[in-house]
């Protein structure tokens, strides 16, 4: 019984350590980007490379509608010539979730299940305004993903605002 408890605590610690490591990597490296597109591509790749996500999209809200800025999959990272098309079913699912998050306007994480696959969508909010949303899917449930996505989007918001201010100043 004690061994089971120790194993559980060890697994939780390692999971939270991965979350913290990814967030710190976003803070450290993200501040070096002064253009929005490169930052968003970096953030999507970071999530896929460091965690068990298959797909990640980042939308920014422009004129009250989501506009796809980045769509990355494990396949497109392994083979850059296989960049994801906007008509891919997973991109359309992520876009649907992004619209749903925008309509709710509550700033909370949205989670949906499709078989064994879990879709997450989290808006990034700055001073009460929705800037965009991150959508990602995982082939299975991971108890750390909701925490990761929530913290990641908060940090991404700050780094995105920093990149926008850097662009304006240059």
Protein backbone atom coordinates (compact mmCIF):
# COMPACT_ATOMS: atom_id res chain seq x y z
CA UNK A 1 0.00 0.00 0.00
CA UNK A 2 2.78 2.43 0.90
CA UNK A 3 4.61 1.54 -2.32
CA UNK A 4 1.46 2.32 -4.36
CA UNK A 5 1.14 5.70 -2.65
CA UNK A 6 4.80 6.49 -3.31
CA UNK A 7 4.45 5.49 -6.96
CA UNK A 8 1.38 7.72 -7.30
CA UNK A 9 3.18 10.67 -5.71
CA UNK A 10 6.23 10.08 -7.91
CA UNK A 11 4.07 9.99 -11.05
CA UNK A 12 2.25 13.19 -10.03
CA UNK A 13 5.53 14.93 -9.26
CA UNK A 14 7.07 13.93 -12.59
CA UNK A 15 3.95 15.07 -14.45
CA UNK A 16 3.94 18.46 -12.73
CA UNK A 17 7.68 18.76 -13.33
CA UNK A 18 7.07 18.32 -17.09
CA UNK A 19 4.36 21.02 -16.94
CA UNK A 20 6.72 23.42 -15.17
CA UNK A 21 9.55 22.62 -17.56
CA UNK A 22 7.40 23.35 -20.63
CA UNK A 23 6.09 26.60 -19.17
CA UNK A 24 9.61 27.75 -18.25
CA UNK A 25 10.80 26.91 -21.75
CA UNK A 26 7.99 29.05 -23.20
CA UNK A 27 8.93 31.95 -20.92
CA UNK A 28 12.67 31.72 -21.60
CA UNK A 29 12.54 31.17 -25.35
CA UNK A 30 9.26 32.94 -26.09
CA UNK A 31 10.58 36.32 -25.04
CA UNK A 32 13.18 36.19 -27.81
CA UNK A 33 10.48 36.25 -30.52
CA UNK A 34 9.47 39.65 -31.80
CA UNK A 35 7.05 38.47 -34.46
CA UNK A 36 3.70 36.91 -33.69
CA UNK A 37 3.68 34.12 -36.28
CA UNK A 38 7.06 32.66 -35.28
CA UNK A 39 6.07 32.77 -31.62
CA UNK A 40 2.80 30.92 -32.27
CA UNK A 41 4.56 28.26 -34.36
CA UNK A 42 7.14 27.80 -31.61
CA UNK A 43 4.44 27.45 -28.94
CA UNK A 44 2.51 24.81 -30.91
CA UNK A 45 5.64 22.78 -31.59
CA UNK A 46 6.68 23.04 -27.94
CA UNK A 47 3.42 21.48 -26.77
CA UNK A 48 3.63 18.62 -29.25
CA UNK A 49 7.32 17.93 -28.65
CA UNK A 50 7.12 18.00 -24.84
CA UNK A 51 3.75 16.33 -24.24
CA UNK A 52 1.53 13.65 -25.69
CA UNK A 53 -0.41 15.87 -28.11
CA UNK A 54 -1.01 14.84 -31.72
CA UNK A 55 -2.30 18.14 -33.09
CA UNK A 56 -2.26 21.77 -32.04
CA UNK A 57 -3.88 24.83 -33.58
CA UNK A 58 -3.66 28.45 -32.61
CA UNK A 59 -6.34 30.87 -33.70
CA UNK A 60 -6.40 34.62 -33.16
CA UNK A 61 -9.69 36.46 -33.07
CA UNK A 62 -9.94 39.11 -35.76
CA UNK A 63 -13.14 41.05 -36.39
CA UNK A 64 -15.07 38.78 -33.99
CA UNK A 65 -14.13 35.52 -35.67
CA UNK A 66 -11.30 33.02 -35.22
CA UNK A 67 -8.57 33.08 -37.84
CA UNK A 68 -6.27 30.06 -38.06
CA UNK A 69 -2.65 31.13 -37.59
CA UNK A 70 -0.92 27.82 -36.87
CA UNK A 71 -1.81 24.16 -37.38
CA UNK A 72 0.86 21.68 -36.36
CA UNK A 73 0.77 17.90 -36.04
CA UNK A 74 3.28 15.27 -35.03
CA UNK A 75 3.47 14.35 -38.73
CA UNK A 76 4.27 17.89 -39.87
CA UNK A 77 7.03 18.17 -37.25
CA UNK A 78 8.62 14.90 -38.36
CA UNK A 79 8.22 15.74 -42.06
CA UNK A 80 7.92 19.51 -42.74
CA UNK A 81 6.77 18.83 -46.31
CA UNK A 82 3.54 17.45 -44.77
CA UNK A 83 2.27 20.74 -43.46
CA UNK A 84 -1.32 20.38 -42.38
CA UNK A 85 -4.05 21.54 -44.68
CA UNK A 86 -6.80 23.75 -43.32
CA UNK A 87 -9.36 21.22 -44.56
CA UNK A 88 -8.03 18.40 -42.35
CA UNK A 89 -10.75 16.99 -40.08
CA UNK A 90 -8.72 17.67 -36.94
CA UNK A 91 -8.20 21.31 -37.94
CA UNK A 92 -11.94 21.67 -38.52
CA UNK A 93 -12.67 20.11 -35.10
CA UNK A 94 -10.24 22.51 -33.43
CA UNK A 95 -11.81 25.44 -35.28
CA UNK A 96 -15.27 24.38 -34.10
CA UNK A 97 -14.02 24.28 -30.50
CA UNK A 98 -12.40 27.70 -30.93
CA UNK A 99 -15.71 29.16 -32.13
CA UNK A 100 -17.48 27.54 -29.17
CA UNK A 101 -14.98 29.09 -26.73
CA UNK A 102 -15.48 32.48 -28.38
CA UNK A 103 -19.27 32.24 -28.12
CA UNK A 104 -19.09 31.32 -24.42
CA UNK A 105 -16.82 34.29 -23.61
CA UNK A 106 -16.04 32.81 -20.19
CA UNK A 107 -12.31 32.22 -20.57
CA UNK A 108 -12.45 28.62 -19.31
CA UNK A 109 -10.89 25.44 -20.65
CA UNK A 110 -13.17 23.43 -22.91
CA UNK A 111 -12.66 19.67 -23.01
CA UNK A 112 -14.34 17.21 -25.38
CA UNK A 113 -13.97 13.46 -25.87
CA UNK A 114 -14.17 11.70 -29.23
CA UNK A 115 -13.62 8.02 -28.53
CA UNK A 116 -10.25 7.73 -26.79
CA UNK A 117 -9.13 11.13 -28.09
CA UNK A 118 -9.39 14.18 -25.85
CA UNK A 119 -9.67 17.67 -27.37
CA UNK A 120 -8.80 20.74 -25.32
CA UNK A 121 -9.45 24.35 -26.20
CA UNK A 122 -8.37 27.27 -24.05
CA UNK A 123 -8.72 30.96 -24.88
CA UNK A 124 -6.04 33.48 -24.19
CA UNK A 125 -7.47 36.54 -22.53
CA UNK A 126 -5.83 39.92 -22.01
CA UNK A 127 -7.54 42.56 -19.89
CA UNK A 128 -10.90 40.86 -20.35
CA UNK A 129 -10.62 40.59 -24.14
CA UNK A 130 -10.32 37.26 -25.96
CA UNK A 131 -7.20 37.37 -28.13
CA UNK A 132 -7.32 33.84 -29.46
CA UNK A 133 -7.44 30.19 -28.52
CA UNK A 134 -5.19 27.18 -28.39
CA UNK A 135 -6.68 23.81 -29.33
CA UNK A 136 -4.86 20.52 -28.93
CA UNK A 137 -5.74 16.87 -28.93
CA UNK A 138 -4.29 13.91 -27.15
CA UNK A 139 -4.77 10.21 -27.88
CA UNK A 140 -5.70 9.65 -24.23
CA UNK A 141 -6.41 11.42 -20.98
CA UNK A 142 -3.49 12.85 -19.00
CA UNK A 143 -4.35 14.40 -15.64
CA UNK A 144 -1.73 17.13 -16.20
CA UNK A 145 -3.01 18.35 -19.56
CA UNK A 146 -5.74 20.67 -18.18
CA UNK A 147 -3.22 22.33 -15.83
CA UNK A 148 -0.63 22.55 -18.58
CA UNK A 149 -3.00 24.08 -21.15
CA UNK A 150 -4.35 26.60 -18.63
CA UNK A 151 -0.94 27.81 -17.45
CA UNK A 152 0.55 27.62 -20.95
CA UNK A 153 -2.16 29.90 -22.36
CA UNK A 154 -1.68 32.46 -19.60
CA UNK A 155 2.05 32.59 -20.29
CA UNK A 156 1.49 32.57 -24.06
CA UNK A 157 -0.80 35.60 -23.65
CA UNK A 158 1.95 37.56 -21.89
CA UNK A 159 4.60 36.54 -24.40
CA UNK A 160 2.25 37.34 -27.32
CA UNK A 161 1.56 40.82 -25.92
CA UNK A 162 5.32 41.29 -25.52
CA UNK A 163 5.92 40.28 -29.16
CA UNK A 164 3.21 42.69 -30.35
CA UNK A 165 4.73 45.54 -28.36
CA UNK A 166 8.19 44.72 -29.73
CA UNK A 167 6.80 44.85 -33.28
CA UNK A 168 5.22 48.24 -32.63
CA UNK A 169 8.46 49.64 -31.23
CA UNK A 170 10.59 48.48 -34.15
